[in-house]
Amino acid sequence: MKIVVCIKQVPGSNKVEVDEKTGVLKRDGVDSKMNPYDLFALETALRIREDQGGSITAMTMGPRQAEAVIKEAFMMGADEGALISDRKFAGADVLATAYTLSQSVKQLGDFDILLCGKQTTDGDTAQVGPEMAEYLDIPHVANVTKILEYREDAIVVEMDMPDTVEVVAVKYPCLLTVEKDIFQPRLPSYKKKMSTKDRPIRVLSFKDFEDQDEMKYGLNGSPTQVERIFPPSGNDKREMYRGTSVEVAHNVSDKLVELRLV
């Protein structure tokens, strides 16, 4: 079984500046971590490998410092890593990101299962996985909560829909986006960290892709643009009311009337 897992490096804090011109987060110099939802996808890959054998390739898109999440994946048990990095990919929306990742998967060769987390904590769109599947022309299932059975030509999974829970057999090669808590992610291993510290990470850039149309990548290939994005302003103003319960209740009532909340 050959498994590819998409992971992403996301800001480790909500205190991130925004480029006012492009609406893109300024990630330079910001503490980062692996997207929490991707930990469940990686753990799912490890469980599948334990049951069926095979190999796991962890793939991420970002600047060179994104190699850190690939190394973290090695510490959890991934076999290989691929970094998709090029200035031409910067500023991509979900559609351009999905297209770039789909082109990267093609360069990695044949696979049986492509796994993604449900969504990312910085974008929260939950669209990249299904869009990748469409570009790759493979079947996909979202919101997977359980793996029920492995067949010779398909995997049987349970998916959580808004009003129902459905069981689906999806043929290989396929893409699954998994829900959190499908499995409990294991902790990184210090022993694996030491044994994989020199393991090479494959780097793919624009020149490695079959499709050399620059209008499909990065900001150029993004049909959606953020008109305005800004961090929420803090508000720590407060008023203290003292007195009897009746006096305090009157003060609160007067304040609500003043603010036109009642």
C-alpha atoms as a PDB file:
ATOM      1  CA  MET A   1       0.000   0.000   0.000  1.00  0.00           C
ATOM      2  CA  LYS A   2       1.494   3.329  -1.057  1.00  0.00           C
ATOM      3  CA  ILE A   3       0.117   6.233   0.960  1.00  0.00           C
ATOM      4  CA  VAL A   4       0.640   9.972   0.490  1.00  0.00           C
ATOM      5  CA  VAL A   5      -0.296  12.327   3.339  1.00  0.00           C
ATOM      6  CA  CYS A   6      -0.751  16.061   2.823  1.00  0.00           C
ATOM      7  CA  ILE A   7       0.385  18.089   5.821  1.00  0.00           C
ATOM      8  CA  LYS A   8       0.784  21.822   6.331  1.00  0.00           C
ATOM      9  CA  GLN A   9       2.777  24.173   8.510  1.00  0.00           C
ATOM     10  CA  VAL A  10       0.473  26.718  10.149  1.00  0.00           C
ATOM     11  CA  PRO A  11       1.069  29.621  12.544  1.00  0.00           C
ATOM     12  CA  GLY A  12       1.403  28.509  16.131  1.00  0.00           C
ATOM     13  CA  SER A  13      -0.208  31.721  17.367  1.00  0.00           C
ATOM     14  CA  ASN A  14      -3.200  33.869  16.476  1.00  0.00           C
ATOM     15  CA  LYS A  15      -0.973  36.955  16.611  1.00  0.00           C
ATOM     16  CA  VAL A  16      -0.100  37.011  12.919  1.00  0.00           C
ATOM     17  CA  GLU A  17       0.210  40.127  10.756  1.00  0.00           C
ATOM     18  CA  VAL A  18      -1.618  40.435   7.465  1.00  0.00           C
ATOM     19  CA  ASP A  19      -0.343  41.884   4.185  1.00  0.00           C
ATOM     20  CA  GLU A  20      -2.916  44.597   3.479  1.00  0.00           C
ATOM     21  CA  LYS A  21      -2.274  44.535  -0.282  1.00  0.00           C
ATOM     22  CA  THR A  22      -2.592  40.795  -0.879  1.00  0.00           C
ATOM     23  CA  GLY A  23      -4.650  39.703   2.132  1.00  0.00           C
ATOM     24  CA  VAL A  24      -2.077  36.974   2.801  1.00  0.00           C
ATOM     25  CA  LEU A  25      -0.763  36.103   6.249  1.00  0.00           C
ATOM     26  CA  LYS A  26       2.811  37.220   6.949  1.00  0.00           C
ATOM     27  CA  ARG A  27       4.364  33.946   8.097  1.00  0.00           C
ATOM     28  CA  ASP A  28       8.019  35.028   8.266  1.00  0.00           C
ATOM     29  CA  GLY A  29       9.361  35.000  11.803  1.00  0.00           C
ATOM     30  CA  VAL A  30       6.154  33.497  13.237  1.00  0.00           C
ATOM     31  CA  ASP A  31       6.304  30.363  15.362  1.00  0.00           C
ATOM     32  CA  SER A  32       4.808  27.495  13.388  1.00  0.00           C
ATOM     33  CA  LYS A  33       3.534  23.980  13.951  1.00  0.00           C
ATOM     34  CA  MET A  34       1.959  21.137  12.025  1.00  0.00           C
ATOM     35  CA  ASN A  35      -1.715  21.710  11.295  1.00  0.00           C
ATOM     36  CA  PRO A  36      -3.474  19.818  14.120  1.00  0.00           C
ATOM     37  CA  TYR A  37      -6.001  18.185  11.776  1.00  0.00           C
ATOM     38  CA  ASP A  38      -3.143  16.741   9.710  1.00  0.00           C
ATOM     39  CA  LEU A  39      -1.909  14.805  12.726  1.00  0.00           C
ATOM     40  CA  PHE A  40      -5.032  12.662  12.438  1.00  0.00           C
ATOM     41  CA  ALA A  41      -4.386  12.074   8.727  1.00  0.00           C
ATOM     42  CA  LEU A  42      -0.801  11.063   9.463  1.00  0.00           C
ATOM     43  CA  GLU A  43      -1.885   8.728  12.252  1.00  0.00           C
ATOM     44  CA  THR A  44      -4.452   7.181   9.904  1.00  0.00           C
ATOM     45  CA  ALA A  45      -1.675   6.530   7.376  1.00  0.00           C
ATOM     46  CA  LEU A  46       0.439   4.865  10.059  1.00  0.00           C
ATOM     47  CA  ARG A  47      -2.448   2.624  11.123  1.00  0.00           C
ATOM     48  CA  ILE A  48      -3.129   1.610   7.507  1.00  0.00           C
ATOM     49  CA  ARG A  49       0.539   0.752   7.030  1.00  0.00           C
ATOM     50  CA  GLU A  50       0.522  -1.311  10.226  1.00  0.00           C
ATOM     51  CA  ASP A  51      -2.455  -3.298   8.907  1.00  0.00           C
ATOM     52  CA  GLN A  52      -1.575  -3.532   5.215  1.00  0.00           C
ATOM     53  CA  GLY A  53       2.138  -2.787   4.916  1.00  0.00           C
ATOM     54  CA  GLY A  54       3.564  -0.328   2.430  1.00  0.00           C
ATOM     55  CA  SER A  55       5.123   3.130   2.621  1.00  0.00           C
ATOM     56  CA  ILE A  56       4.113   6.643   3.642  1.00  0.00           C
ATOM     57  CA  THR A  57       5.183   9.866   1.941  1.00  0.00           C
ATOM     58  CA  ALA A  58       4.483  13.112   3.807  1.00  0.00           C
ATOM     59  CA  MET A  59       4.031  16.061   1.447  1.00  0.00           C
ATOM     60  CA  THR A  60       3.810  19.764   2.270  1.00  0.00           C
ATOM     61  CA  MET A  61       3.740  23.026   0.336  1.00  0.00           C
ATOM     62  CA  GLY A  62       5.521  26.095   1.642  1.00  0.00           C
ATOM     63  CA  PRO A  63       8.877  27.853   2.052  1.00  0.00           C
ATOM     64  CA  ARG A  64      12.010  25.952   3.010  1.00  0.00           C
ATOM     65  CA  GLN A  65      11.271  26.246   6.733  1.00  0.00           C
ATOM     66  CA  ALA A  66       8.225  24.030   6.133  1.00  0.00           C
ATOM     67  CA  GLU A  67      10.692  21.135   6.104  1.00  0.00           C
ATOM     68  CA  ALA A  68      10.190  21.171   9.879  1.00  0.00           C
ATOM     69  CA  VAL A  69       6.784  19.490   9.578  1.00  0.00           C
ATOM     70  CA  ILE A  70       8.237  16.857   7.245  1.00  0.00           C
ATOM     71  CA  LYS A  71      10.870  16.083   9.870  1.00  0.00           C
ATOM     72  CA  GLU A  72       8.114  15.884  12.482  1.00  0.00           C
ATOM     73  CA  ALA A  73       6.321  13.385  10.229  1.00  0.00           C
ATOM     74  CA  PHE A  74       9.558  11.348  10.098  1.00  0.00           C
ATOM     75  CA  MET A  75       9.598  11.389  13.905  1.00  0.00           C
ATOM     76  CA  MET A  76       6.115   9.888  13.901  1.00  0.00           C
ATOM     77  CA  GLY A  77       6.962   7.205  11.364  1.00  0.00           C
ATOM     78  CA  ALA A  78       6.642   8.533   7.794  1.00  0.00           C
ATOM     79  CA  ASP A  79       9.075   6.924   5.340  1.00  0.00           C
ATOM     80  CA  GLU A  80       9.651   9.711   2.821  1.00  0.00           C
ATOM     81  CA  GLY A  81       9.065  13.437   2.534  1.00  0.00           C
ATOM     82  CA  ALA A  82       8.451  15.936  -0.242  1.00  0.00           C
ATOM     83  CA  LEU A  83       8.489  19.726  -0.024  1.00  0.00           C
ATOM     84  CA  ILE A  84       6.725  21.739  -2.721  1.00  0.00           C
ATOM     85  CA  SER A  85       8.383  25.121  -2.714  1.00  0.00           C
ATOM     86  CA  ASP A  86       8.619  27.931  -5.233  1.00  0.00           C
ATOM     87  CA  ARG A  87       7.954  31.685  -5.151  1.00  0.00           C
ATOM     88  CA  LYS A  88       5.516  31.148  -8.006  1.00  0.00           C
ATOM     89  CA  PHE A  89       3.259  29.245  -5.581  1.00  0.00           C
ATOM     90  CA  ALA A  90       3.031  32.104  -3.051  1.00  0.00           C
ATOM     91  CA  GLY A  91      -0.349  33.636  -2.268  1.00  0.00           C
ATOM     92  CA  ALA A  92      -2.367  30.737  -3.673  1.00  0.00           C
ATOM     93  CA  ASP A  93      -6.037  30.408  -2.744  1.00  0.00           C
ATOM     94  CA  VAL A  94      -7.585  26.988  -2.177  1.00  0.00           C
ATOM     95  CA  LEU A  95      -8.067  26.283  -5.891  1.00  0.00           C
ATOM     96  CA  ALA A  96      -4.503  27.174  -6.881  1.00  0.00           C
ATOM     97  CA  THR A  97      -3.181  25.300  -3.853  1.00  0.00           C
ATOM     98  CA  ALA A  98      -5.160  22.194  -4.782  1.00  0.00           C
ATOM     99  CA  TYR A  99      -3.906  22.370  -8.362  1.00  0.00           C
ATOM    100  CA  THR A 100      -0.293  22.761  -7.248  1.00  0.00           C
ATOM    101  CA  LEU A 101      -0.577  19.826  -4.862  1.00  0.00           C
ATOM    102  CA  SER A 102      -2.234  17.679  -7.528  1.00  0.00           C
ATOM    103  CA  GLN A 103       0.637  18.379  -9.899  1.00  0.00           C
ATOM    104  CA  SER A 104       3.060  17.442  -7.127  1.00  0.00           C
ATOM    105  CA  VAL A 105       1.312  14.138  -6.459  1.00  0.00           C
ATOM    106  CA  LYS A 106       1.704  13.252 -10.131  1.00  0.00           C
ATOM    107  CA  GLN A 107       5.462  13.725  -9.799  1.00  0.00           C
ATOM    108  CA  LEU A 108       5.588  11.399  -6.801  1.00  0.00           C
ATOM    109  CA  GLY A 109       4.319   8.480  -8.852  1.00  0.00           C
ATOM    110  CA  ASP A 110       1.507   5.984  -8.368  1.00  0.00           C
ATOM    111  CA  PHE A 111      -0.262   5.740  -5.019  1.00  0.00           C
ATOM    112  CA  ASP A 112      -3.186   3.895  -3.466  1.00  0.00           C
ATOM    113  CA  ILE A 113      -4.490   6.342  -0.879  1.00  0.00           C
ATOM    114  CA  LEU A 114      -4.069  10.099  -0.552  1.00  0.00           C
ATOM    115  CA  LEU A 115      -4.910  11.358   2.939  1.00  0.00           C
ATOM    116  CA  CYS A 116      -5.706  14.888   4.119  1.00  0.00           C
ATOM    117  CA  GLY A 117      -6.835  16.402   7.377  1.00  0.00           C
ATOM    118  CA  LYS A 118     -10.377  17.746   7.496  1.00  0.00           C
ATOM    119  CA  GLN A 119      -9.200  21.367   7.226  1.00  0.00           C
ATOM    120  CA  THR A 120      -6.452  23.737   8.316  1.00  0.00           C
ATOM    121  CA  THR A 121      -6.497  26.068  11.289  1.00  0.00           C
ATOM    122  CA  ASP A 122      -5.326  29.065   9.244  1.00  0.00           C
ATOM    123  CA  GLY A 123      -7.744  28.774   6.320  1.00  0.00           C
ATOM    124  CA  ASP A 124     -10.590  26.602   7.644  1.00  0.00           C
ATOM    125  CA  THR A 125     -12.015  26.064   4.142  1.00  0.00           C
ATOM    126  CA  ALA A 126     -11.979  22.228   4.074  1.00  0.00           C
ATOM    127  CA  GLN A 127     -11.864  22.462   0.262  1.00  0.00           C
ATOM    128  CA  VAL A 128      -8.309  21.568  -0.765  1.00  0.00           C
ATOM    129  CA  GLY A 129      -8.651  17.788  -0.367  1.00  0.00           C
ATOM    130  CA  PRO A 130     -11.779  17.327  -2.514  1.00  0.00           C
ATOM    131  CA  GLU A 131     -10.457  19.798  -5.114  1.00  0.00           C
ATOM    132  CA  MET A 132      -7.208  17.811  -5.368  1.00  0.00           C
ATOM    133  CA  ALA A 133      -9.226  14.669  -6.025  1.00  0.00           C
ATOM    134  CA  GLU A 134     -11.123  16.406  -8.814  1.00  0.00           C
ATOM    135  CA  TYR A 135      -7.885  17.547 -10.450  1.00  0.00           C
ATOM    136  CA  LEU A 136      -6.459  14.028 -10.145  1.00  0.00           C
ATOM    137  CA  ASP A 137      -9.732  12.507 -11.411  1.00  0.00           C
ATOM    138  CA  ILE A 138      -9.950  10.024  -8.539  1.00  0.00           C
ATOM    139  CA  PRO A 139     -12.824   9.177  -6.159  1.00  0.00           C
ATOM    140  CA  HIS A 140     -12.836  10.846  -2.771  1.00  0.00           C
ATOM    141  CA  VAL A 141     -14.675  10.727   0.536  1.00  0.00           C
ATOM    142  CA  ALA A 142     -14.728  13.524   3.101  1.00  0.00           C
ATOM    143  CA  ASN A 143     -15.442  13.495   6.846  1.00  0.00           C
ATOM    144  CA  VAL A 144     -14.147   9.949   7.338  1.00  0.00           C
ATOM    145  CA  THR A 145     -14.579   8.792  10.941  1.00  0.00           C
ATOM    146  CA  LYS A 146     -13.703   5.071  10.705  1.00  0.00           C
ATOM    147  CA  ILE A 147     -11.922   2.592   8.483  1.00  0.00           C
ATOM    148  CA  LEU A 148     -14.030  -0.566   8.416  1.00  0.00           C
ATOM    149  CA  GLU A 149     -12.440  -2.888   5.868  1.00  0.00           C
ATOM    150  CA  TYR A 150      -9.630  -3.275   3.352  1.00  0.00           C
ATOM    151  CA  ARG A 151     -10.501  -4.979   0.089  1.00  0.00           C
ATOM    152  CA  GLU A 152      -8.298  -5.934  -2.810  1.00  0.00           C
ATOM    153  CA  ASP A 153      -9.462  -2.983  -4.910  1.00  0.00           C
ATOM    154  CA  ALA A 154     -11.153  -0.687  -2.366  1.00  0.00           C
ATOM    155  CA  ILE A 155     -11.254   0.629   1.172  1.00  0.00           C
ATOM    156  CA  VAL A 156     -14.501   0.684   3.158  1.00  0.00           C
ATOM    157  CA  VAL A 157     -14.975   3.727   5.377  1.00  0.00           C
ATOM    158  CA  GLU A 158     -17.591   5.398   7.516  1.00  0.00           C
ATOM    159  CA  MET A 159     -18.264   9.070   6.885  1.00  0.00           C
ATOM    160  CA  ASP A 160     -20.128  11.539   9.042  1.00  0.00           C
ATOM    161  CA  MET A 161     -22.732  13.472   7.047  1.00  0.00           C
ATOM    162  CA  PRO A 162     -24.851  16.338   8.463  1.00  0.00           C
ATOM    163  CA  ASP A 163     -27.903  14.133   9.081  1.00  0.00           C
ATOM    164  CA  THR A 164     -26.628  10.573   8.599  1.00  0.00           C
ATOM    165  CA  VAL A 165     -23.629   8.303   8.994  1.00  0.00           C
ATOM    166  CA  GLU A 166     -22.879   6.474   5.739  1.00  0.00           C
ATOM    167  CA  VAL A 167     -20.663   3.524   4.830  1.00  0.00           C
ATOM    168  CA  VAL A 168     -18.864   3.752   1.489  1.00  0.00           C
ATOM    169  CA  ALA A 169     -16.523   1.475  -0.449  1.00  0.00           C
ATOM    170  CA  VAL A 170     -14.153   3.658  -2.469  1.00  0.00           C
ATOM    171  CA  LYS A 171     -11.828   2.178  -5.060  1.00  0.00           C
ATOM    172  CA  TYR A 172      -8.075   2.771  -5.210  1.00  0.00           C
ATOM    173  CA  PRO A 173      -6.500   5.161  -5.949  1.00  0.00           C
ATOM    174  CA  CYS A 174      -8.619   7.458  -3.813  1.00  0.00           C
ATOM    175  CA  LEU A 175      -8.477  10.469  -1.536  1.00  0.00           C
ATOM    176  CA  LEU A 176      -9.832  10.578   2.010  1.00  0.00           C
ATOM    177  CA  THR A 177     -10.155  13.572   4.302  1.00  0.00           C
ATOM    178  CA  VAL A 178     -10.377  12.393   7.899  1.00  0.00           C
ATOM    179  CA  GLU A 179     -12.146  13.821  10.915  1.00  0.00           C
ATOM    180  CA  LYS A 180     -10.341  14.580  14.131  1.00  0.00           C
ATOM    181  CA  ASP A 181     -10.357  11.741  16.632  1.00  0.00           C
ATOM    182  CA  ILE A 182     -10.485   9.039  13.943  1.00  0.00           C
ATOM    183  CA  PHE A 183      -7.391   7.846  15.806  1.00  0.00           C
ATOM    184  CA  GLN A 184      -5.377   9.306  18.654  1.00  0.00           C
ATOM    185  CA  PRO A 185      -2.162  10.706  17.096  1.00  0.00           C
ATOM    186  CA  ARG A 186       1.003   9.227  18.557  1.00  0.00           C
ATOM    187  CA  LEU A 187       3.762  11.363  19.982  1.00  0.00           C
ATOM    188  CA  PRO A 188       6.940  12.013  17.959  1.00  0.00           C
ATOM    189  CA  SER A 189       9.733   9.606  18.821  1.00  0.00           C
ATOM    190  CA  TYR A 190      13.133  10.890  19.922  1.00  0.00           C
ATOM    191  CA  LYS A 191      14.671   7.658  18.653  1.00  0.00           C
ATOM    192  CA  LYS A 192      13.138   8.245  15.211  1.00  0.00           C
ATOM    193  CA  LYS A 193      14.250  11.864  15.352  1.00  0.00           C
ATOM    194  CA  MET A 194      17.879  10.799  15.721  1.00  0.00           C
ATOM    195  CA  SER A 195      17.660   8.005  13.155  1.00  0.00           C
ATOM    196  CA  THR A 196      16.017  10.241  10.506  1.00  0.00           C
ATOM    197  CA  LYS A 197      17.855  13.528  11.119  1.00  0.00           C
ATOM    198  CA  ASP A 198      19.851  13.114   7.895  1.00  0.00           C
ATOM    199  CA  ARG A 199      17.046  11.603   5.823  1.00  0.00           C
ATOM    200  CA  PRO A 200      16.756  13.551   2.553  1.00  0.00           C
ATOM    201  CA  ILE A 201      13.604  15.469   1.700  1.00  0.00           C
ATOM    202  CA  ARG A 202      12.652  15.689  -1.959  1.00  0.00           C
ATOM    203  CA  VAL A 203      12.060  19.262  -3.134  1.00  0.00           C
ATOM    204  CA  LEU A 204       9.708  19.964  -6.031  1.00  0.00           C
ATOM    205  CA  SER A 205       9.416  23.355  -7.709  1.00  0.00           C
ATOM    206  CA  PHE A 206       7.558  24.822 -10.666  1.00  0.00           C
ATOM    207  CA  LYS A 207      10.132  23.570 -13.150  1.00  0.00           C
ATOM    208  CA  ASP A 208       9.398  19.952 -12.134  1.00  0.00           C
ATOM    209  CA  PHE A 209       5.731  20.108 -13.171  1.00  0.00           C
ATOM    210  CA  GLU A 210       4.293  18.967 -16.470  1.00  0.00           C
ATOM    211  CA  ASP A 211       1.974  21.973 -16.652  1.00  0.00           C
ATOM    212  CA  GLN A 212       4.168  25.072 -17.088  1.00  0.00           C
ATOM    213  CA  ASP A 213       1.308  27.573 -17.286  1.00  0.00           C
ATOM    214  CA  GLU A 214       2.183  30.138 -14.593  1.00  0.00           C
ATOM    215  CA  MET A 215      -1.376  31.473 -14.628  1.00  0.00           C
ATOM    216  CA  LYS A 216      -2.535  28.351 -12.761  1.00  0.00           C
ATOM    217  CA  TYR A 217      -0.319  28.810  -9.715  1.00  0.00           C
ATOM    218  CA  GLY A 218       0.023  31.214  -6.799  1.00  0.00           C
ATOM    219  CA  LEU A 219      -1.768  34.558  -6.899  1.00  0.00           C
ATOM    220  CA  ASN A 220      -1.980  34.379 -10.711  1.00  0.00           C
ATOM    221  CA  GLY A 221      -3.992  31.164 -10.516  1.00  0.00           C
ATOM    222  CA  SER A 222      -6.267  32.242  -7.694  1.00  0.00           C
ATOM    223  CA  PRO A 223      -9.788  33.149  -8.860  1.00  0.00           C
ATOM    224  CA  THR A 224     -10.759  34.282  -5.361  1.00  0.00           C
ATOM    225  CA  GLN A 225      -9.175  37.290  -3.688  1.00  0.00           C
ATOM    226  CA  VAL A 226      -9.583  38.456  -0.112  1.00  0.00           C
ATOM    227  CA  GLU A 227     -10.961  41.992  -0.138  1.00  0.00           C
ATOM    228  CA  ARG A 228     -10.019  42.679   3.456  1.00  0.00           C
ATOM    229  CA  ILE A 229      -8.582  40.670   6.296  1.00  0.00           C
ATOM    230  CA  PHE A 230      -7.580  41.939   9.697  1.00  0.00           C
ATOM    231  CA  PRO A 231      -6.913  40.622  13.194  1.00  0.00           C
ATOM    232  CA  PRO A 232      -9.709  41.215  15.699  1.00  0.00           C
ATOM    233  CA  SER A 233      -9.165  44.244  17.908  1.00  0.00           C
ATOM    234  CA  GLY A 234      -8.773  43.582  21.596  1.00  0.00           C
ATOM    235  CA  ASN A 235     -11.250  45.031  24.053  1.00  0.00           C
ATOM    236  CA  ASP A 236     -10.406  44.762  27.719  1.00  0.00           C
ATOM    237  CA  LYS A 237     -12.650  47.606  28.948  1.00  0.00           C
ATOM    238  CA  ARG A 238     -14.709  46.710  31.985  1.00  0.00           C
ATOM    239  CA  GLU A 239     -16.848  48.314  34.650  1.00  0.00           C
ATOM    240  CA  MET A 240     -17.227  47.171  38.242  1.00  0.00           C
ATOM    241  CA  TYR A 241     -20.534  47.518  40.076  1.00  0.00           C
ATOM    242  CA  ARG A 242     -20.702  47.270  43.847  1.00  0.00           C
ATOM    243  CA  GLY A 243     -23.654  47.316  46.204  1.00  0.00           C
ATOM    244  CA  THR A 244     -26.611  45.139  46.993  1.00  0.00           C
ATOM    245  CA  SER A 245     -27.963  42.664  44.488  1.00  0.00           C
ATOM    246  CA  VAL A 246     -30.809  45.052  43.677  1.00  0.00           C
ATOM    247  CA  GLU A 247     -28.427  47.991  43.119  1.00  0.00           C
ATOM    248  CA  VAL A 248     -26.120  45.929  40.906  1.00  0.00           C
ATOM    249  CA  ALA A 249     -29.098  44.630  38.910  1.00  0.00           C
ATOM    250  CA  HIS A 250     -30.275  48.195  38.303  1.00  0.00           C
ATOM    251  CA  ASN A 251     -26.770  49.232  37.204  1.00  0.00           C
ATOM    252  CA  VAL A 252     -26.547  46.352  34.749  1.00  0.00           C
ATOM    253  CA  SER A 253     -30.049  47.085  33.424  1.00  0.00           C
ATOM    254  CA  ASP A 254     -29.205  50.761  32.911  1.00  0.00           C
ATOM    255  CA  LYS A 255     -26.000  49.816  31.067  1.00  0.00           C
ATOM    256  CA  LEU A 256     -27.838  47.452  28.728  1.00  0.00           C
ATOM    257  CA  VAL A 257     -30.336  50.196  27.924  1.00  0.00           C
ATOM    258  CA  GLU A 258     -27.479  52.649  27.313  1.00  0.00           C
ATOM    259  CA  LEU A 259     -25.847  50.209  24.878  1.00  0.00           C
ATOM    260  CA  ARG A 260     -29.244  49.596  23.251  1.00  0.00           C
ATOM    261  CA  LEU A 261     -28.977  45.876  23.908  1.00  0.00           C
ATOM    262  CA  VAL A 262     -32.480  45.696  25.370  1.00  0.00           C
END
